[in-house]
N, C-alpha and C. Protein backbone atom coordinates (compact mmCIF):
# COMPACT_ATOMS: atom_id res chain seq x y z
N MET A 1 1.07 -1.00 -0.40
CA MET A 1 0.26 0.08 0.16
C MET A 1 0.77 0.87 -0.19
N LYS A 2 0.65 2.31 -0.76
CA LYS A 2 1.35 3.18 -0.73
C LYS A 2 0.71 4.66 -0.64
N LEU A 3 1.41 5.34 -0.01
CA LEU A 3 0.91 6.91 1.26
C LEU A 3 1.49 7.71 -0.45
N ASP A 4 0.05 8.76 -1.08
CA ASP A 4 0.55 9.86 -1.85
C ASP A 4 1.06 10.84 -0.74
N VAL A 5 2.50 11.48 -0.35
CA VAL A 5 2.58 12.64 0.87
C VAL A 5 2.61 13.65 0.02
N SER A 6 3.14 13.58 -0.96
CA SER A 6 2.99 15.05 -1.92
C SER A 6 2.26 16.52 -0.88
N ASN A 7 0.79 16.07 -1.13
CA ASN A 7 -0.15 17.12 0.02
C ASN A 7 0.87 17.24 1.22
N ALA A 8 0.54 16.68 2.23
CA ALA A 8 1.37 17.12 3.53
C ALA A 8 2.73 17.63 3.76
N LEU A 9 3.55 17.32 2.05
CA LEU A 9 4.81 17.95 2.40
C LEU A 9 4.76 19.05 2.31
N SER A 10 3.24 20.12 1.23
CA SER A 10 3.14 21.33 1.10
C SER A 10 2.66 21.87 2.28
N HIS A 11 1.99 20.97 3.22
CA HIS A 11 1.08 21.43 4.60
C HIS A 11 1.54 21.17 5.11
N PRO A 12 2.97 21.30 6.22
CA PRO A 12 3.03 20.17 7.53
C PRO A 12 1.81 20.68 8.27
N GLY A 13 1.67 19.61 8.97
CA GLY A 13 0.59 19.61 10.44
C GLY A 13 -0.41 19.73 9.87
N GLN A 14 -0.85 19.41 8.55
CA GLN A 14 -2.46 18.94 8.59
C GLN A 14 -2.29 17.77 8.59
N GLU A 15 -3.98 16.84 8.92
CA GLU A 15 -3.92 15.38 8.77
C GLU A 15 -4.42 15.33 7.71
N TYR A 16 -4.24 14.02 6.88
CA TYR A 16 -4.70 13.52 6.07
C TYR A 16 -5.64 11.97 6.08
N LEU A 17 -6.62 11.56 5.74
CA LEU A 17 -7.23 10.41 6.32
C LEU A 17 -6.59 9.41 4.79
N PHE A 18 -6.75 8.13 5.33
CA PHE A 18 -6.49 7.17 3.76
C PHE A 18 -6.94 5.71 4.40
N SER A 19 -6.88 4.87 4.27
CA SER A 19 -7.56 3.20 3.69
C SER A 19 -7.17 2.45 3.15
N GLY A 20 -7.06 1.22 3.24
CA GLY A 20 -6.52 0.52 2.15
C GLY A 20 -6.54 -0.68 1.90
N LEU A 21 -6.45 -2.18 1.67
CA LEU A 21 -5.76 -3.21 1.86
C LEU A 21 -3.81 -3.29 1.80
N GLN A 22 -3.57 -4.17 2.41
CA GLN A 22 -2.07 -4.53 2.54
C GLN A 22 -1.70 -5.99 2.63
N ALA A 23 -1.32 -6.52 1.41
CA ALA A 23 -1.32 -7.88 1.36
C ALA A 23 0.32 -8.25 2.40
N ILE A 24 -0.17 -9.33 3.05
CA ILE A 24 1.34 -9.68 3.52
C ILE A 24 1.87 -11.23 2.94
N ALA A 25 3.11 -11.21 3.04
CA ALA A 25 3.39 -12.60 3.04
C ALA A 25 3.01 -13.24 4.05
N ASP A 26 3.39 -14.91 3.73
CA ASP A 26 3.14 -16.14 4.55
C ASP A 26 4.60 -15.69 5.61
N GLN A 27 3.98 -16.05 6.55
CA GLN A 27 5.09 -16.06 8.12
C GLN A 27 5.25 -17.08 8.28
N GLU A 28 7.25 -16.93 8.80
CA GLU A 28 7.49 -18.92 9.40
C GLU A 28 7.54 -18.07 11.13
N ILE A 29 7.40 -18.64 11.65
CA ILE A 29 7.08 -18.63 12.71
C ILE A 29 7.01 -19.76 14.21
N SER A 30 8.55 -20.00 14.80
CA SER A 30 8.03 -20.50 15.36
C SER A 30 8.50 -22.35 14.70
N GLY A 31 8.81 -22.46 13.55
CA GLY A 31 8.16 -23.64 13.04
C GLY A 31 7.37 -23.47 12.21
N ASP A 32 6.49 -22.86 12.36
CA ASP A 32 4.78 -23.29 11.98
C ASP A 32 4.51 -22.20 10.78
N THR A 33 3.85 -22.01 9.80
CA THR A 33 3.60 -21.08 8.88
C THR A 33 2.29 -20.37 8.99
N VAL A 34 2.33 -19.69 9.30
CA VAL A 34 1.65 -18.40 9.16
C VAL A 34 0.98 -17.58 8.73
N ARG A 35 -0.46 -17.61 7.51
CA ARG A 35 -0.98 -17.30 6.54
C ARG A 35 -1.81 -16.04 7.23
N ILE A 36 -1.32 -14.93 6.48
CA ILE A 36 -1.79 -13.38 7.10
C ILE A 36 -2.89 -12.88 5.91
N ASP A 37 -4.65 -13.29 5.62
CA ASP A 37 -5.00 -12.74 5.30
C ASP A 37 -5.38 -11.25 4.79
N ASP A 38 -5.59 -10.28 3.75
CA ASP A 38 -4.91 -8.99 3.32
C ASP A 38 -5.07 -7.95 4.51
N CYS A 39 -4.75 -7.64 4.85
CA CYS A 39 -4.82 -6.62 6.47
C CYS A 39 -5.44 -5.32 5.61
N ALA A 40 -6.49 -4.98 6.32
CA ALA A 40 -7.22 -3.81 6.54
C ALA A 40 -6.64 -2.71 7.58
N VAL A 41 -6.29 -2.07 6.73
CA VAL A 41 -5.21 -0.01 7.08
C VAL A 41 -5.99 1.23 7.11
N GLU A 42 -6.36 1.46 8.44
CA GLU A 42 -6.69 2.73 8.30
C GLU A 42 -5.88 3.53 9.13
N GLY A 43 -5.93 5.35 9.15
CA GLY A 43 -5.36 5.75 9.99
C GLY A 43 -5.02 7.18 9.51
N VAL A 44 -4.85 8.11 9.86
CA VAL A 44 -4.36 9.56 9.25
C VAL A 44 -2.29 9.71 9.37
N PHE A 45 -2.37 10.84 8.29
CA PHE A 45 -0.92 11.11 8.59
C PHE A 45 -1.07 12.57 7.89
N LEU A 46 0.55 13.28 8.09
CA LEU A 46 0.79 14.70 7.91
C LEU A 46 2.40 14.83 8.48
N SER A 47 3.06 15.97 8.14
CA SER A 47 4.42 15.94 7.49
C SER A 47 4.77 17.04 9.12
N ASP A 48 5.94 16.71 9.13
CA ASP A 48 6.47 18.04 10.51
C ASP A 48 7.08 18.80 9.04
N GLU A 49 7.96 20.22 9.24
CA GLU A 49 8.71 20.83 8.91
C GLU A 49 10.04 20.31 8.21
N ASP A 50 10.06 18.92 8.54
CA ASP A 50 11.93 18.55 8.47
C ASP A 50 11.10 17.45 7.10
N GLY A 51 10.09 17.05 7.19
CA GLY A 51 9.79 16.55 5.64
C GLY A 51 9.90 15.33 6.39
N ASN A 52 9.22 14.88 7.90
CA ASN A 52 9.06 13.53 8.06
C ASN A 52 7.90 13.49 8.40
N ILE A 53 7.71 11.94 8.01
CA ILE A 53 5.89 11.49 7.67
C ILE A 53 5.60 10.44 8.85
N SER A 54 4.61 11.23 10.09
CA SER A 54 4.22 10.80 11.35
C SER A 54 2.22 9.78 10.51
N VAL A 55 2.29 8.93 10.64
CA VAL A 55 1.61 7.70 10.36
C VAL A 55 1.04 6.94 12.24
N ARG A 56 -0.02 7.10 11.93
CA ARG A 56 -1.05 6.15 13.30
C ARG A 56 -2.27 6.13 12.17
N GLY A 57 -2.72 5.31 13.07
CA GLY A 57 -3.90 4.10 12.49
C GLY A 57 -3.95 2.92 13.03
N LYS A 58 -4.49 2.24 13.22
CA LYS A 58 -4.87 0.32 13.31
C LYS A 58 -5.38 -0.17 12.02
N LEU A 59 -4.70 -1.86 11.99
CA LEU A 59 -4.77 -2.35 10.95
C LEU A 59 -5.40 -3.93 11.70
N LYS A 60 -5.99 -4.26 11.14
CA LYS A 60 -7.04 -5.57 11.18
C LYS A 60 -7.33 -7.12 10.34
N THR A 61 -7.34 -7.69 10.38
CA THR A 61 -7.53 -8.86 9.70
C THR A 61 -6.98 -10.24 10.64
N ILE A 62 -7.21 -11.65 10.06
CA ILE A 62 -7.44 -12.84 10.34
C ILE A 62 -6.18 -13.75 10.21
N ALA A 63 -5.76 -14.25 10.91
CA ALA A 63 -4.26 -15.10 10.43
C ALA A 63 -4.55 -16.23 10.80
N HIS A 64 -4.11 -17.39 9.97
CA HIS A 64 -4.14 -18.89 10.49
C HIS A 64 -2.75 -19.72 10.52
N ALA A 65 -3.74 -20.42 11.22
CA ALA A 65 -2.38 -21.52 11.54
C ALA A 65 -2.53 -22.58 12.35
N HIS A 66 -1.94 -23.61 12.68
CA HIS A 66 -2.18 -24.95 12.83
C HIS A 66 -2.35 -24.50 14.68
N CYS A 67 -3.36 -25.85 15.24
CA CYS A 67 -3.53 -25.61 16.38
C CYS A 67 -2.78 -25.84 17.17
N ALA A 68 -2.62 -25.94 18.54
CA ALA A 68 -1.05 -25.78 19.09
C ALA A 68 -1.33 -26.91 19.97
N ASN A 69 -2.71 -27.37 20.26
CA ASN A 69 -3.03 -28.51 20.64
C ASN A 69 -3.15 -30.10 20.00
N CYS A 70 -3.84 -29.76 18.39
CA CYS A 70 -4.53 -31.00 18.04
C CYS A 70 -3.87 -29.92 16.22
N LEU A 71 -3.56 -29.61 16.49
CA LEU A 71 -2.49 -29.17 14.82
C LEU A 71 -3.32 -29.12 13.99
N GLU A 72 -4.84 -29.27 13.67
CA GLU A 72 -5.78 -28.96 13.04
C GLU A 72 -6.46 -27.21 12.61
N ASP A 73 -6.23 -27.01 11.20
CA ASP A 73 -6.29 -25.09 11.28
C ASP A 73 -6.92 -24.93 11.90
N ALA A 74 -6.55 -23.72 12.82
CA ALA A 74 -7.13 -22.33 13.16
C ALA A 74 -7.18 -21.03 12.62
N GLN A 75 -7.25 -20.10 13.13
CA GLN A 75 -7.22 -18.81 12.99
C GLN A 75 -7.42 -18.26 14.13
N ALA A 76 -7.08 -16.93 13.96
CA ALA A 76 -7.38 -15.55 14.98
C ALA A 76 -7.56 -14.34 14.68
N GLU A 77 -8.56 -13.56 15.22
CA GLU A 77 -8.64 -12.29 14.38
C GLU A 77 -7.34 -11.23 15.38
N VAL A 78 -6.84 -10.49 14.41
CA VAL A 78 -5.39 -9.94 14.92
C VAL A 78 -6.07 -8.00 14.19
N GLU A 79 -5.62 -7.24 15.63
CA GLU A 79 -5.74 -6.21 15.28
C GLU A 79 -4.56 -5.61 16.38
N ASN A 80 -3.98 -4.40 15.86
CA ASN A 80 -3.01 -3.46 16.16
C ASN A 80 -3.20 -2.25 15.82
N GLU A 81 -2.87 -1.73 16.68
CA GLU A 81 -2.10 0.37 16.49
C GLU A 81 -0.97 0.48 16.10
N PHE A 82 -0.43 1.29 15.33
CA PHE A 82 0.36 1.45 14.88
C PHE A 82 0.71 3.60 15.53
N ASP A 83 1.34 3.99 15.29
CA ASP A 83 2.03 5.18 15.26
C ASP A 83 3.59 5.61 15.24
N GLU A 84 4.03 6.09 14.26
CA GLU A 84 5.56 5.52 13.83
C GLU A 84 5.96 6.92 12.64
N VAL A 85 6.48 6.84 12.41
CA VAL A 85 7.68 8.18 12.03
C VAL A 85 8.78 7.90 10.67
N PHE A 86 7.99 8.46 9.46
CA PHE A 86 8.84 8.46 8.66
C PHE A 86 9.80 8.97 8.05
N HIS A 87 10.99 8.30 8.10
CA HIS A 87 12.60 9.26 8.06
C HIS A 87 12.57 10.29 6.60
N ARG A 88 12.71 11.20 6.16
CA ARG A 88 13.10 11.52 4.55
C ARG A 88 14.61 10.95 4.27
N ASN A 89 14.55 10.52 3.37
CA ASN A 89 16.03 9.95 2.47
C ASN A 89 16.84 9.20 4.05
N GLY A 90 16.58 8.77 4.76
CA GLY A 90 16.81 7.59 5.52
C GLY A 90 17.49 6.83 5.08
N ASP A 91 18.03 5.86 5.41
CA ASP A 91 18.68 4.42 4.98
C ASP A 91 17.22 3.77 4.81
N GLN A 92 16.56 3.39 4.20
CA GLN A 92 15.59 2.37 3.84
C GLN A 92 15.82 0.83 3.91
N GLU A 93 17.48 0.15 4.42
CA GLU A 93 17.78 -1.07 4.28
C GLU A 93 17.67 -1.10 6.19
N ASP A 94 18.10 -0.19 7.19
CA ASP A 94 18.00 0.23 7.95
C ASP A 94 16.51 -0.80 8.73
N ASN A 95 16.63 -1.16 9.36
CA ASN A 95 15.35 -2.08 10.68
C ASN A 95 14.90 -2.00 11.51
N GLU A 96 15.66 -0.60 12.25
CA GLU A 96 15.28 0.63 13.04
C GLU A 96 14.42 1.54 13.07
N ILE A 97 14.55 2.42 11.86
CA ILE A 97 13.43 3.02 11.15
C ILE A 97 12.78 2.48 10.07
N PHE A 98 11.86 3.66 9.99
CA PHE A 98 10.77 3.50 8.63
C PHE A 98 11.69 4.82 8.12
N ALA A 99 11.90 4.77 6.71
CA ALA A 99 12.81 5.98 5.94
C ALA A 99 11.52 6.29 4.58
N TYR A 100 11.87 7.02 3.81
CA TYR A 100 10.62 7.09 2.33
C TYR A 100 11.62 8.21 2.19
N GLU A 101 12.04 8.03 0.72
CA GLU A 101 12.29 8.69 -0.45
C GLU A 101 11.47 9.59 -1.58
N GLY A 102 11.21 10.57 -1.83
CA GLY A 102 9.98 11.04 -3.01
C GLY A 102 9.52 11.67 -2.18
N HIS A 103 8.00 11.06 -2.68
CA HIS A 103 6.65 11.83 -2.36
C HIS A 103 5.74 10.48 -2.17
N GLU A 104 6.02 9.32 -1.89
CA GLU A 104 5.44 8.14 -1.46
C GLU A 104 5.56 7.32 -0.27
N ILE A 105 5.12 6.77 0.37
CA ILE A 105 5.32 5.81 1.79
C ILE A 105 4.92 4.27 1.22
N LEU A 106 5.74 3.35 1.30
CA LEU A 106 5.32 2.25 1.69
C LEU A 106 5.27 1.24 2.88
N LEU A 107 3.35 1.24 2.39
CA LEU A 107 3.65 0.66 4.15
C LEU A 107 3.31 -0.90 4.45
N ASP A 108 3.99 -1.47 3.64
CA ASP A 108 4.14 -3.11 4.03
C ASP A 108 4.76 -2.75 4.87
N LYS A 109 6.11 -2.73 5.30
CA LYS A 109 7.26 -2.93 6.25
C LYS A 109 6.72 -2.99 7.73
N LEU A 110 5.81 -1.83 7.70
CA LEU A 110 4.88 -1.50 8.69
C LEU A 110 3.81 -2.32 8.83
N VAL A 111 3.16 -2.68 8.39
CA VAL A 111 1.64 -3.63 8.38
C VAL A 111 2.57 -5.07 8.20
N MET A 112 2.92 -5.38 8.06
CA MET A 112 3.41 -6.56 8.36
C MET A 112 4.21 -6.81 9.85
N SER A 113 4.64 -5.31 10.30
CA SER A 113 5.86 -5.63 11.43
C SER A 113 4.38 -5.72 12.56
N TYR A 114 4.20 -5.09 12.43
CA TYR A 114 2.61 -4.11 13.34
C TYR A 114 1.59 -5.91 13.38
N ALA A 115 1.52 -6.76 12.25
CA ALA A 115 0.29 -7.73 12.05
C ALA A 115 0.96 -8.71 12.99
N VAL A 116 2.69 -8.88 12.47
CA VAL A 116 3.22 -10.10 13.75
C VAL A 116 3.14 -10.12 14.92
N MET A 117 3.18 -9.10 14.90
CA MET A 117 3.54 -8.42 16.93
C MET A 117 2.70 -9.06 17.53
N ALA A 118 1.02 -8.35 16.72
CA ALA A 118 -0.46 -8.94 17.79
C ALA A 118 -0.39 -10.35 17.41
N LEU A 119 0.06 -11.02 16.81
CA LEU A 119 -0.42 -12.76 16.24
C LEU A 119 -0.37 -13.39 18.04
N PRO A 120 -1.02 -14.17 18.41
CA PRO A 120 -1.13 -15.08 19.35
C PRO A 120 -0.31 -15.68 19.32
N ILE A 121 0.86 -16.19 20.94
CA ILE A 121 1.56 -16.84 20.88
C ILE A 121 1.45 -18.42 20.62
N ARG A 122 -0.09 -18.45 21.07
CA ARG A 122 -0.28 -20.05 20.33
C ARG A 122 -1.70 -19.86 19.65
N PHE A 123 -1.73 -20.12 18.35
CA PHE A 123 -3.50 -20.44 17.81
C PHE A 123 -4.02 -22.00 18.33
N LEU A 124 -4.88 -21.53 18.73
CA LEU A 124 -6.14 -23.12 19.13
C LEU A 124 -7.52 -22.78 17.83
N CYS A 125 -7.42 -24.03 17.48
CA CYS A 125 -9.05 -24.49 16.72
C CYS A 125 -10.25 -24.03 17.62
N ARG A 126 -10.38 -23.84 18.70
CA ARG A 126 -10.94 -24.00 19.44
C ARG A 126 -10.19 -23.66 20.96
N GLU A 127 -11.62 -22.34 22.12
CA GLU A 127 -10.80 -22.57 23.36
C GLU A 127 -10.87 -23.38 24.21
N ASP A 128 -11.65 -24.58 24.19
CA ASP A 128 -11.48 -26.11 24.59
C ASP A 128 -10.94 -27.09 24.62
N CYS A 129 -10.22 -26.82 22.90
CA CYS A 129 -9.53 -28.10 22.69
C CYS A 129 -8.84 -28.80 23.76
N PRO A 130 -9.25 -30.18 23.37
CA PRO A 130 -8.56 -30.82 24.17
C PRO A 130 -6.81 -31.61 23.87
N GLY A 131 -6.75 -31.17 22.55
CA GLY A 131 -6.12 -32.04 21.86
C GLY A 131 -5.52 -33.68 21.74
N PHE A 132 -4.60 -33.72 21.57
CA PHE A 132 -4.14 -35.77 21.05
C PHE A 132 -5.13 -36.38 22.34
N GLU A 133 -5.47 -36.90 21.90
CA GLU A 133 -6.12 -37.71 22.76
C GLU A 133 -5.53 -38.81 22.91
N TYR A 134 -5.28 -39.54 24.74
CA TYR A 134 -4.36 -40.49 25.09
C TYR A 134 -4.47 -41.34 24.85
N ARG A 135 -3.22 -42.13 24.58
CA ARG A 135 -3.34 -43.04 24.19
C ARG A 135 -2.70 -44.31 25.17
N ASP A 136 -3.26 -45.49 26.17
CA ASP A 136 -2.58 -46.50 26.44
C ASP A 136 -1.48 -47.40 25.55
N PRO A 137 0.02 -47.27 25.92
CA PRO A 137 0.54 -48.17 25.04
C PRO A 137 0.15 -49.24 24.10
N GLU A 138 -0.57 -49.99 25.48
CA GLU A 138 -0.60 -51.45 25.72
C GLU A 138 -1.89 -51.42 24.85
N ALA A 139 -2.28 -50.49 24.75
CA ALA A 139 -4.53 -51.41 23.54
C ALA A 139 -3.85 -50.88 22.08
N VAL A 140 -2.47 -50.37 21.68
CA VAL A 140 -1.63 -50.21 20.57
C VAL A 140 -1.52 -51.48 19.93
N PRO A 141 -1.80 -52.58 19.55
CA PRO A 141 -1.65 -54.29 18.60
C PRO A 141 0.27 -53.81 17.98
N SER A 142 0.68 -54.27 18.71
CA SER A 142 2.03 -54.26 17.94
C SER A 142 2.14 -55.59 16.50
N GLU A 143 3.18 -54.55 16.18
CA GLU A 143 2.87 -54.78 14.81
C GLU A 143 4.74 -55.81 14.37
N PRO A 144 4.44 -56.44 13.64
CA PRO A 144 6.14 -57.25 13.38
C PRO A 144 6.51 -55.61 13.09
N GLY A 145 7.92 -55.57 13.32
CA GLY A 145 8.89 -54.51 12.58
C GLY A 145 8.93 -53.21 13.25
N VAL A 146 7.73 -52.90 14.15
CA VAL A 146 7.02 -51.38 14.37
C VAL A 146 7.83 -51.40 15.56
N GLN A 147 8.52 -50.52 16.08
CA GLN A 147 9.30 -49.95 16.97
C GLN A 147 8.54 -48.82 17.44
N TYR A 148 8.27 -48.91 18.89
CA TYR A 148 7.40 -47.98 19.95
C TYR A 148 8.48 -47.07 20.63
N PRO A 149 9.14 -45.54 19.64
CA PRO A 149 10.38 -45.23 20.92
C PRO A 149 9.70 -45.16 22.29
N PHE A 150 8.74 -44.67 22.33
CA PHE A 150 8.58 -44.93 23.97
C PHE A 150 7.89 -46.00 24.90
N ALA A 151 8.08 -47.19 23.96
CA ALA A 151 7.45 -48.35 24.58
C ALA A 151 8.82 -48.25 25.98
N GLY A 152 10.57 -48.40 25.90
CA GLY A 152 11.30 -49.01 26.93
C GLY A 152 10.95 -47.67 28.37
N LEU A 153 10.58 -46.77 28.00
CA LEU A 153 9.99 -45.76 29.56
C LEU A 153 8.85 -46.28 29.81
N GLN A 154 7.90 -46.51 28.94
CA GLN A 154 6.96 -47.71 29.85
C GLN A 154 6.87 -48.26 30.56
N GLN A 155 7.59 -49.28 29.47
CA GLN A 155 7.97 -50.70 31.12
C GLN A 155 9.00 -50.22 32.36
N LEU A 156 10.09 -48.99 31.90
CA LEU A 156 10.69 -49.03 33.30
C LEU A 156 9.57 -48.37 34.31
N LEU A 157 8.62 -47.51 33.81
CA LEU A 157 7.57 -46.97 35.00
C LEU A 157 6.65 -47.83 35.07
N GLN A 158 6.65 -49.22 34.71
CA GLN A 158 5.87 -49.64 35.39
C GLN A 158 6.77 -51.16 36.22
N ASP A 159 7.79 -51.11 35.70
CA ASP A 159 8.99 -51.85 36.86
C ASP A 159 8.89 -51.67 38.19
N ASN A 160 8.57 -49.76 37.99
CA ASN A 160 9.14 -48.55 38.88
C ASN A 160 8.37 -48.69 40.14
N GLU A 161 6.75 -48.81 39.41
CA GLU A 161 5.68 -49.06 40.38
C GLU A 161 5.28 -50.29 40.79
N GLU A 162 5.60 -51.72 40.22
CA GLU A 162 5.50 -52.85 41.21
C GLU A 162 7.11 -52.88 42.27
N VAL A 163 7.86 -51.35 42.35
CA VAL A 163 8.94 -51.98 43.38
C VAL A 163 8.40 -51.55 44.85
């Protein structure tokens, strides 16, 4: 999403409204791929005497990942507010600041950053998701040639209980 800030640069201190959609690429977070729908973004921007542009507003979207308990598909509403300054002629490769050149500001980096910061720590398919059902290792029929990695630990537990 691009903002044309030419009017704001001509009239410092005057606020200008904006709204639109911003696409966000899939994000790899803690070993899981999180897909984020297009973000609805709205807010205001204004310039100062030095040509720096203040942008504040809010974003709203839906994020999709796997449930932390059962690995089924899960989704979460994501909302966040932002208030940042884009520095005129700043280093666009610097990840510590937002910078712009000319008369357009790209909001992709800002929206992605604030959307990811608002993601839940754990995605759940539903609030009361029980996760995987506990399986009794003795109830699993043994198949020839199949090894169960925790069978030895189960035997140690049973031996320990008999003592």
